[in-house]
């Protein structure tokens, strides 16, 4: 595993990291690792997130028959 050293970290930032780590129930080092991992992880799209959730709960059947009729324009007249 790689190791890094962060120099000239403002004391206020160090205190905030310690507080955030305590709130999360982690050490400051583990909290910094989590922050760095999250920062470089690619964003997950909504479709991927929903697919992952569906797999976790056992999946869902989305096999629906597509309607072949044309869509109608909305009418806002009463």
PDB file of N, CA and C in Angstrom:
ATOM      1  N   UNK A   1       0.829  -1.180   0.000  1.00  0.00           N
ATOM      2  CA  UNK A   1       0.000   0.000   0.000  1.00  0.00           C
ATOM      3  C   UNK A   1       0.872   1.241   0.000  1.00  0.00           C
ATOM      4  N   UNK A   2       0.393   2.259  -0.631  1.00  0.00           N
ATOM      5  CA  UNK A   2       1.104   3.535  -0.689  1.00  0.00           C
ATOM      6  C   UNK A   2       0.846   4.340   0.583  1.00  0.00           C
ATOM      7  N   UNK A   3       1.771   5.193   0.901  1.00  0.00           N
ATOM      8  CA  UNK A   3       1.615   6.103   2.031  1.00  0.00           C
ATOM      9  C   UNK A   3       1.885   7.512   1.526  1.00  0.00           C
ATOM     10  N   UNK A   4       1.139   8.476   2.062  1.00  0.00           N
ATOM     11  CA  UNK A   4       1.355   9.872   1.686  1.00  0.00           C
ATOM     12  C   UNK A   4       1.480  10.711   2.948  1.00  0.00           C
ATOM     13  N   UNK A   5       2.129  11.833   2.807  1.00  0.00           N
ATOM     14  CA  UNK A   5       2.245  12.794   3.889  1.00  0.00           C
ATOM     15  C   UNK A   5       1.654  14.102   3.387  1.00  0.00           C
ATOM     16  N   UNK A   6       0.796  14.689   4.181  1.00  0.00           N
ATOM     17  CA  UNK A   6       0.200  15.974   3.819  1.00  0.00           C
ATOM     18  C   UNK A   6       0.839  17.037   4.700  1.00  0.00           C
ATOM     19  N   UNK A   7       1.533  17.938   4.074  1.00  0.00           N
ATOM     20  CA  UNK A   7       2.224  18.997   4.813  1.00  0.00           C
ATOM     21  C   UNK A   7       1.364  20.268   4.830  1.00  0.00           C
ATOM     22  N   UNK A   8       1.608  21.083   5.814  1.00  0.00           N
ATOM     23  CA  UNK A   8       0.961  22.400   5.926  1.00  0.00           C
ATOM     24  C   UNK A   8      -0.564  22.318   5.971  1.00  0.00           C
ATOM     25  N   UNK A   9      -1.076  21.292   6.617  1.00  0.00           N
ATOM     26  CA  UNK A   9      -2.524  21.168   6.778  1.00  0.00           C
ATOM     27  C   UNK A   9      -2.960  22.147   7.870  1.00  0.00           C
ATOM     28  N   UNK A  10      -3.890  23.031   7.572  1.00  0.00           N
ATOM     29  CA  UNK A  10      -4.329  23.985   8.598  1.00  0.00           C
ATOM     30  C   UNK A  10      -4.867  23.252   9.838  1.00  0.00           C
ATOM     31  N   UNK A  11      -4.583  23.798  10.988  1.00  0.00           N
ATOM     32  CA  UNK A  11      -5.022  23.178  12.248  1.00  0.00           C
ATOM     33  C   UNK A  11      -6.537  23.025  12.287  1.00  0.00           C
ATOM     34  N   UNK A  12      -7.239  23.998  11.747  1.00  0.00           N
ATOM     35  CA  UNK A  12      -8.710  23.929  11.707  1.00  0.00           C
ATOM     36  C   UNK A  12      -9.170  22.719  10.892  1.00  0.00           C
ATOM     37  N   UNK A  13      -8.500  22.431   9.785  1.00  0.00           N
ATOM     38  CA  UNK A  13      -8.847  21.273   8.951  1.00  0.00           C
ATOM     39  C   UNK A  13      -8.559  19.981   9.707  1.00  0.00           C
ATOM     40  N   UNK A  14      -7.432  19.923  10.392  1.00  0.00           N
ATOM     41  CA  UNK A  14      -7.082  18.729  11.166  1.00  0.00           C
ATOM     42  C   UNK A  14      -8.121  18.466  12.257  1.00  0.00           C
ATOM     43  N   UNK A  15      -8.549  19.533  12.943  1.00  0.00           N
ATOM     44  CA  UNK A  15      -9.581  19.378  13.983  1.00  0.00           C
ATOM     45  C   UNK A  15     -10.898  18.894  13.378  1.00  0.00           C
ATOM     46  N   UNK A  16     -11.265  19.457  12.214  1.00  0.00           N
ATOM     47  CA  UNK A  16     -12.513  19.051  11.559  1.00  0.00           C
ATOM     48  C   UNK A  16     -12.450  17.585  11.133  1.00  0.00           C
ATOM     49  N   UNK A  17     -11.289  17.146  10.641  1.00  0.00           N
ATOM     50  CA  UNK A  17     -11.131  15.736  10.262  1.00  0.00           C
ATOM     51  C   UNK A  17     -11.280  14.823  11.477  1.00  0.00           C
ATOM     52  N   UNK A  18     -10.676  15.215  12.582  1.00  0.00           N
ATOM     53  CA  UNK A  18     -10.778  14.411  13.808  1.00  0.00           C
ATOM     54  C   UNK A  18     -12.224  14.324  14.274  1.00  0.00           C
ATOM     55  N   UNK A  19     -12.935  15.444  14.221  1.00  0.00           N
ATOM     56  CA  UNK A  19     -14.342  15.464  14.641  1.00  0.00           C
ATOM     57  C   UNK A  19     -15.189  14.600  13.707  1.00  0.00           C
ATOM     58  N   UNK A  20     -14.941  14.716  12.409  1.00  0.00           N
ATOM     59  CA  UNK A  20     -15.694  13.922  11.431  1.00  0.00           C
ATOM     60  C   UNK A  20     -15.415  12.432  11.636  1.00  0.00           C
ATOM     61  N   UNK A  21     -14.166  12.091  11.902  1.00  0.00           N
ATOM     62  CA  UNK A  21     -13.801  10.696  12.146  1.00  0.00           C
ATOM     63  C   UNK A  21     -14.504  10.166  13.394  1.00  0.00           C
ATOM     64  N   UNK A  22     -14.506  10.948  14.449  1.00  0.00           N
ATOM     65  CA  UNK A  22     -15.167  10.524  15.688  1.00  0.00           C
ATOM     66  C   UNK A  22     -16.657  10.318  15.454  1.00  0.00           C
ATOM     67  N   UNK A  23     -17.263  11.223  14.696  1.00  0.00           N
ATOM     68  CA  UNK A  23     -18.693  11.110  14.397  1.00  0.00           C
ATOM     69  C   UNK A  23     -19.001   9.845  13.595  1.00  0.00           C
ATOM     70  N   UNK A  24     -18.054   9.446  12.723  1.00  0.00           N
ATOM     71  CA  UNK A  24     -18.234   8.254  11.890  1.00  0.00           C
ATOM     72  C   UNK A  24     -17.780   6.983  12.591  1.00  0.00           C
ATOM     73  N   UNK A  25     -17.178   7.120  13.772  1.00  0.00           N
ATOM     74  CA  UNK A  25     -16.692   5.946  14.502  1.00  0.00           C
ATOM     75  C   UNK A  25     -15.425   5.364  13.901  1.00  0.00           C
ATOM     76  N   UNK A  26     -14.633   6.210  13.256  1.00  0.00           N
ATOM     77  CA  UNK A  26     -13.387   5.759  12.636  1.00  0.00           C
ATOM     78  C   UNK A  26     -12.221   6.558  13.195  1.00  0.00           C
ATOM     79  N   UNK A  27     -11.025   6.026  12.943  1.00  0.00           N
ATOM     80  CA  UNK A  27      -9.829   6.794  13.283  1.00  0.00           C
ATOM     81  C   UNK A  27      -9.694   7.914  12.258  1.00  0.00           C
ATOM     82  N   UNK A  28      -8.887   8.907  12.587  1.00  0.00           N
ATOM     83  CA  UNK A  28      -8.664  10.007  11.648  1.00  0.00           C
ATOM     84  C   UNK A  28      -8.046   9.478  10.358  1.00  0.00           C
ATOM     85  N   UNK A  29      -7.117   8.556  10.478  1.00  0.00           N
ATOM     86  CA  UNK A  29      -6.479   7.967   9.291  1.00  0.00           C
ATOM     87  C   UNK A  29      -7.498   7.235   8.419  1.00  0.00           C
ATOM     88  N   UNK A  30      -8.378   6.459   9.042  1.00  0.00           N
ATOM     89  CA  UNK A  30      -9.409   5.739   8.281  1.00  0.00           C
ATOM     90  C   UNK A  30     -10.375   6.721   7.615  1.00  0.00           C
ATOM     91  N   UNK A  31     -10.670   7.814   8.302  1.00  0.00           N
ATOM     92  CA  UNK A  31     -11.572   8.826   7.741  1.00  0.00           C
ATOM     93  C   UNK A  31     -10.944   9.486   6.520  1.00  0.00           C
ATOM     94  N   UNK A  32      -9.664   9.808   6.607  1.00  0.00           N
ATOM     95  CA  UNK A  32      -8.961  10.417   5.474  1.00  0.00           C
ATOM     96  C   UNK A  32      -8.942   9.443   4.302  1.00  0.00           C
ATOM     97  N   UNK A  33      -8.696   8.147   4.578  1.00  0.00           N
ATOM     98  CA  UNK A  33      -8.738   7.140   3.504  1.00  0.00           C
ATOM     99  C   UNK A  33     -10.102   7.108   2.836  1.00  0.00           C
ATOM    100  N   UNK A  34     -11.156   7.144   3.636  1.00  0.00           N
ATOM    101  CA  UNK A  34     -12.515   7.119   3.094  1.00  0.00           C
ATOM    102  C   UNK A  34     -12.782   8.343   2.221  1.00  0.00           C
ATOM    103  N   UNK A  35     -12.356   9.504   2.675  1.00  0.00           N
ATOM    104  CA  UNK A  35     -12.544  10.744   1.918  1.00  0.00           C
ATOM    105  C   UNK A  35     -11.795  10.670   0.587  1.00  0.00           C
ATOM    106  N   UNK A  36     -10.550  10.218   0.627  1.00  0.00           N
ATOM    107  CA  UNK A  36      -9.763  10.117  -0.605  1.00  0.00           C
ATOM    108  C   UNK A  36     -10.349   9.084  -1.566  1.00  0.00           C
ATOM    109  N   UNK A  37     -10.761   7.942  -1.049  1.00  0.00           N
ATOM    110  CA  UNK A  37     -11.383   6.920  -1.907  1.00  0.00           C
ATOM    111  C   UNK A  37     -12.649   7.449  -2.574  1.00  0.00           C
ATOM    112  N   UNK A  38     -13.470   8.145  -1.816  1.00  0.00           N
ATOM    113  CA  UNK A  38     -14.707   8.701  -2.377  1.00  0.00           C
ATOM    114  C   UNK A  38     -14.406   9.766  -3.425  1.00  0.00           C
ATOM    115  N   UNK A  39     -13.329  10.520  -3.223  1.00  0.00           N
ATOM    116  CA  UNK A  39     -12.992  11.612  -4.146  1.00  0.00           C
ATOM    117  C   UNK A  39     -12.556  11.097  -5.507  1.00  0.00           C
ATOM    118  N   UNK A  40     -11.947   9.927  -5.571  1.00  0.00           N
ATOM    119  CA  UNK A  40     -11.449   9.420  -6.853  1.00  0.00           C
ATOM    120  C   UNK A  40     -12.342   8.342  -7.458  1.00  0.00           C
ATOM    121  N   UNK A  41     -13.374   7.924  -6.731  1.00  0.00           N
ATOM    122  CA  UNK A  41     -14.313   6.928  -7.243  1.00  0.00           C
ATOM    123  C   UNK A  41     -15.175   7.579  -8.320  1.00  0.00           C
ATOM    124  N   UNK A  42     -15.392   6.885  -9.451  1.00  0.00           N
ATOM    125  CA  UNK A  42     -16.250   7.489 -10.475  1.00  0.00           C
ATOM    126  C   UNK A  42     -17.684   7.624  -9.955  1.00  0.00           C
ATOM    127  N   UNK A  43     -18.371   8.677 -10.363  1.00  0.00           N
ATOM    128  CA  UNK A  43     -19.759   8.848  -9.903  1.00  0.00           C
ATOM    129  C   UNK A  43     -20.644   7.722 -10.442  1.00  0.00           C
ATOM    130  N   UNK A  44     -21.604   7.320  -9.641  1.00  0.00           N
ATOM    131  CA  UNK A  44     -22.529   6.259 -10.035  1.00  0.00           C
ATOM    132  C   UNK A  44     -23.787   6.912 -10.575  1.00  0.00           C
ATOM    133  N   UNK A  45     -24.179   6.522 -11.775  1.00  0.00           N
ATOM    134  CA  UNK A  45     -25.403   7.050 -12.365  1.00  0.00           C
ATOM    135  C   UNK A  45     -26.630   6.491 -11.674  1.00  0.00           C
ATOM    136  N   UNK A  46     -27.747   7.133 -11.843  1.00  0.00           N
ATOM    137  CA  UNK A  46     -28.991   6.706 -11.192  1.00  0.00           C
ATOM    138  C   UNK A  46     -29.405   5.312 -11.653  1.00  0.00           C
ATOM    139  N   UNK A  47     -29.204   5.019 -12.928  1.00  0.00           N
ATOM    140  CA  UNK A  47     -29.563   3.690 -13.437  1.00  0.00           C
ATOM    141  C   UNK A  47     -28.742   2.597 -12.788  1.00  0.00           C
ATOM    142  N   UNK A  48     -27.447   2.821 -12.662  1.00  0.00           N
ATOM    143  CA  UNK A  48     -26.563   1.838 -12.019  1.00  0.00           C
ATOM    144  C   UNK A  48     -26.924   1.669 -10.548  1.00  0.00           C
ATOM    145  N   UNK A  49     -27.223   2.769  -9.884  1.00  0.00           N
ATOM    146  CA  UNK A  49     -27.595   2.703  -8.468  1.00  0.00           C
ATOM    147  C   UNK A  49     -28.887   1.920  -8.280  1.00  0.00           C
ATOM    148  N   UNK A  50     -29.860   2.149  -9.145  1.00  0.00           N
ATOM    149  CA  UNK A  50     -31.126   1.418  -9.041  1.00  0.00           C
ATOM    150  C   UNK A  50     -30.944  -0.060  -9.363  1.00  0.00           C
ATOM    151  N   UNK A  51     -30.111  -0.373 -10.342  1.00  0.00           N
ATOM    152  CA  UNK A  51     -29.846  -1.775 -10.678  1.00  0.00           C
ATOM    153  C   UNK A  51     -29.183  -2.487  -9.505  1.00  0.00           C
ATOM    154  N   UNK A  52     -28.226  -1.821  -8.864  1.00  0.00           N
ATOM    155  CA  UNK A  52     -27.545  -2.402  -7.707  1.00  0.00           C
ATOM    156  C   UNK A  52     -28.529  -2.635  -6.565  1.00  0.00           C
ATOM    157  N   UNK A  53     -29.407  -1.669  -6.333  1.00  0.00           N
ATOM    158  CA  UNK A  53     -30.421  -1.810  -5.293  1.00  0.00           C
ATOM    159  C   UNK A  53     -31.360  -2.971  -5.619  1.00  0.00           C
ATOM    160  N   UNK A  54     -31.783  -3.068  -6.880  1.00  0.00           N
ATOM    161  CA  UNK A  54     -32.659  -4.167  -7.293  1.00  0.00           C
ATOM    162  C   UNK A  54     -32.032  -5.524  -7.055  1.00  0.00           C
ATOM    163  N   UNK A  55     -30.746  -5.657  -7.347  1.00  0.00           N
ATOM    164  CA  UNK A  55     -30.045  -6.924  -7.116  1.00  0.00           C
ATOM    165  C   UNK A  55     -29.995  -7.252  -5.628  1.00  0.00           C
ATOM    166  N   UNK A  56     -29.780  -6.215  -4.806  1.00  0.00           N
ATOM    167  CA  UNK A  56     -29.694  -6.433  -3.362  1.00  0.00           C
ATOM    168  C   UNK A  56     -30.997  -6.944  -2.775  1.00  0.00           C
ATOM    169  N   UNK A  57     -32.129  -6.485  -3.317  1.00  0.00           N
ATOM    170  CA  UNK A  57     -33.420  -6.892  -2.758  1.00  0.00           C
ATOM    171  C   UNK A  57     -34.036  -8.073  -3.500  1.00  0.00           C
ATOM    172  N   UNK A  58     -33.260  -8.691  -4.374  1.00  0.00           N
ATOM    173  CA  UNK A  58     -33.756  -9.896  -5.033  1.00  0.00           C
ATOM    174  C   UNK A  58     -34.220  -9.688  -6.453  1.00  0.00           C
ATOM    175  N   UNK A  59     -34.080  -8.509  -6.989  1.00  0.00           N
ATOM    176  CA  UNK A  59     -34.438  -8.252  -8.385  1.00  0.00           C
ATOM    177  C   UNK A  59     -35.902  -7.883  -8.564  1.00  0.00           C
ATOM    178  N   UNK A  60     -36.202  -7.390  -9.726  1.00  0.00           N
ATOM    179  CA  UNK A  60     -37.559  -6.987 -10.067  1.00  0.00           C
ATOM    180  C   UNK A  60     -37.836  -7.423 -11.498  1.00  0.00           C
ATOM    181  N   UNK A  61     -39.060  -7.782 -11.769  1.00  0.00           N
ATOM    182  CA  UNK A  61     -39.434  -8.183 -13.121  1.00  0.00           C
ATOM    183  C   UNK A  61     -39.924  -6.957 -13.871  1.00  0.00           C
ATOM    184  N   UNK A  62     -39.167  -6.550 -14.868  1.00  0.00           N
ATOM    185  CA  UNK A  62     -39.539  -5.373 -15.640  1.00  0.00           C
ATOM    186  C   UNK A  62     -39.973  -5.736 -17.053  1.00  0.00           C
ATOM    187  N   UNK A  63     -40.325  -6.988 -17.262  1.00  0.00           N
ATOM    188  CA  UNK A  63     -40.739  -7.392 -18.604  1.00  0.00           C
ATOM    189  C   UNK A  63     -42.175  -6.921 -18.841  1.00  0.00           C
ATOM    190  N   UNK A  64     -42.300  -5.826 -19.524  1.00  0.00           N
ATOM    191  CA  UNK A  64     -43.612  -5.261 -19.831  1.00  0.00           C
ATOM    192  C   UNK A  64     -43.741  -5.185 -21.334  1.00  0.00           C
ATOM    193  N   UNK A  65     -44.938  -5.355 -21.813  1.00  0.00           N
ATOM    194  CA  UNK A  65     -45.184  -5.266 -23.236  1.00  0.00           C
ATOM    195  C   UNK A  65     -45.316  -3.802 -23.628  1.00  0.00           C
ATOM    196  N   UNK A  66     -44.633  -3.438 -24.671  1.00  0.00           N
ATOM    197  CA  UNK A  66     -44.668  -2.049 -25.128  1.00  0.00           C
ATOM    198  C   UNK A  66     -45.947  -1.797 -25.911  1.00  0.00           C
ATOM    199  N   UNK A  67     -46.581  -0.678 -25.611  1.00  0.00           N
ATOM    200  CA  UNK A  67     -47.784  -0.297 -26.352  1.00  0.00           C
ATOM    201  C   UNK A  67     -47.372   0.191 -27.727  1.00  0.00           C
ATOM    202  N   UNK A  68     -48.079  -0.240 -28.735  1.00  0.00           N
ATOM    203  CA  UNK A  68     -47.746   0.158 -30.096  1.00  0.00           C
ATOM    204  C   UNK A  68     -48.557   1.357 -30.578  1.00  0.00           C
ATOM    205  N   UNK A  69     -49.518   1.819 -29.786  1.00  0.00           N
ATOM    206  CA  UNK A  69     -50.318   2.969 -30.203  1.00  0.00           C
ATOM    207  C   UNK A  69     -49.506   4.251 -30.052  1.00  0.00           C
ATOM    208  N   UNK A  70     -49.838   5.223 -30.847  1.00  0.00           N
ATOM    209  CA  UNK A  70     -49.137   6.506 -30.796  1.00  0.00           C
ATOM    210  C   UNK A  70     -49.562   7.289 -29.564  1.00  0.00           C
ATOM    211  N   UNK A  71     -48.643   8.051 -29.040  1.00  0.00           N
ATOM    212  CA  UNK A  71     -48.937   8.896 -27.895  1.00  0.00           C
ATOM    213  C   UNK A  71     -49.839  10.049 -28.344  1.00  0.00           C
ATOM    214  N   UNK A  72     -50.719  10.476 -27.453  1.00  0.00           N
ATOM    215  CA  UNK A  72     -51.588  11.605 -27.767  1.00  0.00           C
ATOM    216  C   UNK A  72     -51.078  12.837 -27.060  1.00  0.00           C
ATOM    217  N   UNK A  73     -51.254  13.969 -27.687  1.00  0.00           N
ATOM    218  CA  UNK A  73     -50.863  15.236 -27.083  1.00  0.00           C
ATOM    219  C   UNK A  73     -51.764  15.535 -25.891  1.00  0.00           C
ATOM    220  N   UNK A  74     -51.221  16.158 -24.883  1.00  0.00           N
ATOM    221  CA  UNK A  74     -51.994  16.519 -23.703  1.00  0.00           C
ATOM    222  C   UNK A  74     -52.993  17.615 -24.066  1.00  0.00           C
ATOM    223  N   UNK A  75     -54.153  17.540 -23.454  1.00  0.00           N
ATOM    224  CA  UNK A  75     -55.159  18.576 -23.663  1.00  0.00           C
ATOM    225  C   UNK A  75     -55.397  19.277 -22.323  1.00  0.00           C
ATOM    226  N   UNK A  76     -55.288  20.581 -22.334  1.00  0.00           N
ATOM    227  CA  UNK A  76     -55.455  21.338 -21.108  1.00  0.00           C
ATOM    228  C   UNK A  76     -56.778  22.098 -21.091  1.00  0.00           C
ATOM    229  N   UNK A  77     -57.642  21.769 -21.982  1.00  0.00           N
ATOM    230  CA  UNK A  77     -58.967  22.398 -22.069  1.00  0.00           C
ATOM    231  C   UNK A  77     -59.944  21.578 -21.238  1.00  0.00           C
ATOM    232  N   UNK A  78     -60.869  22.235 -20.579  1.00  0.00           N
ATOM    233  CA  UNK A  78     -61.820  21.492 -19.767  1.00  0.00           C
ATOM    234  C   UNK A  78     -63.099  21.208 -20.505  1.00  0.00           C
TER     235      UNK A  78
END
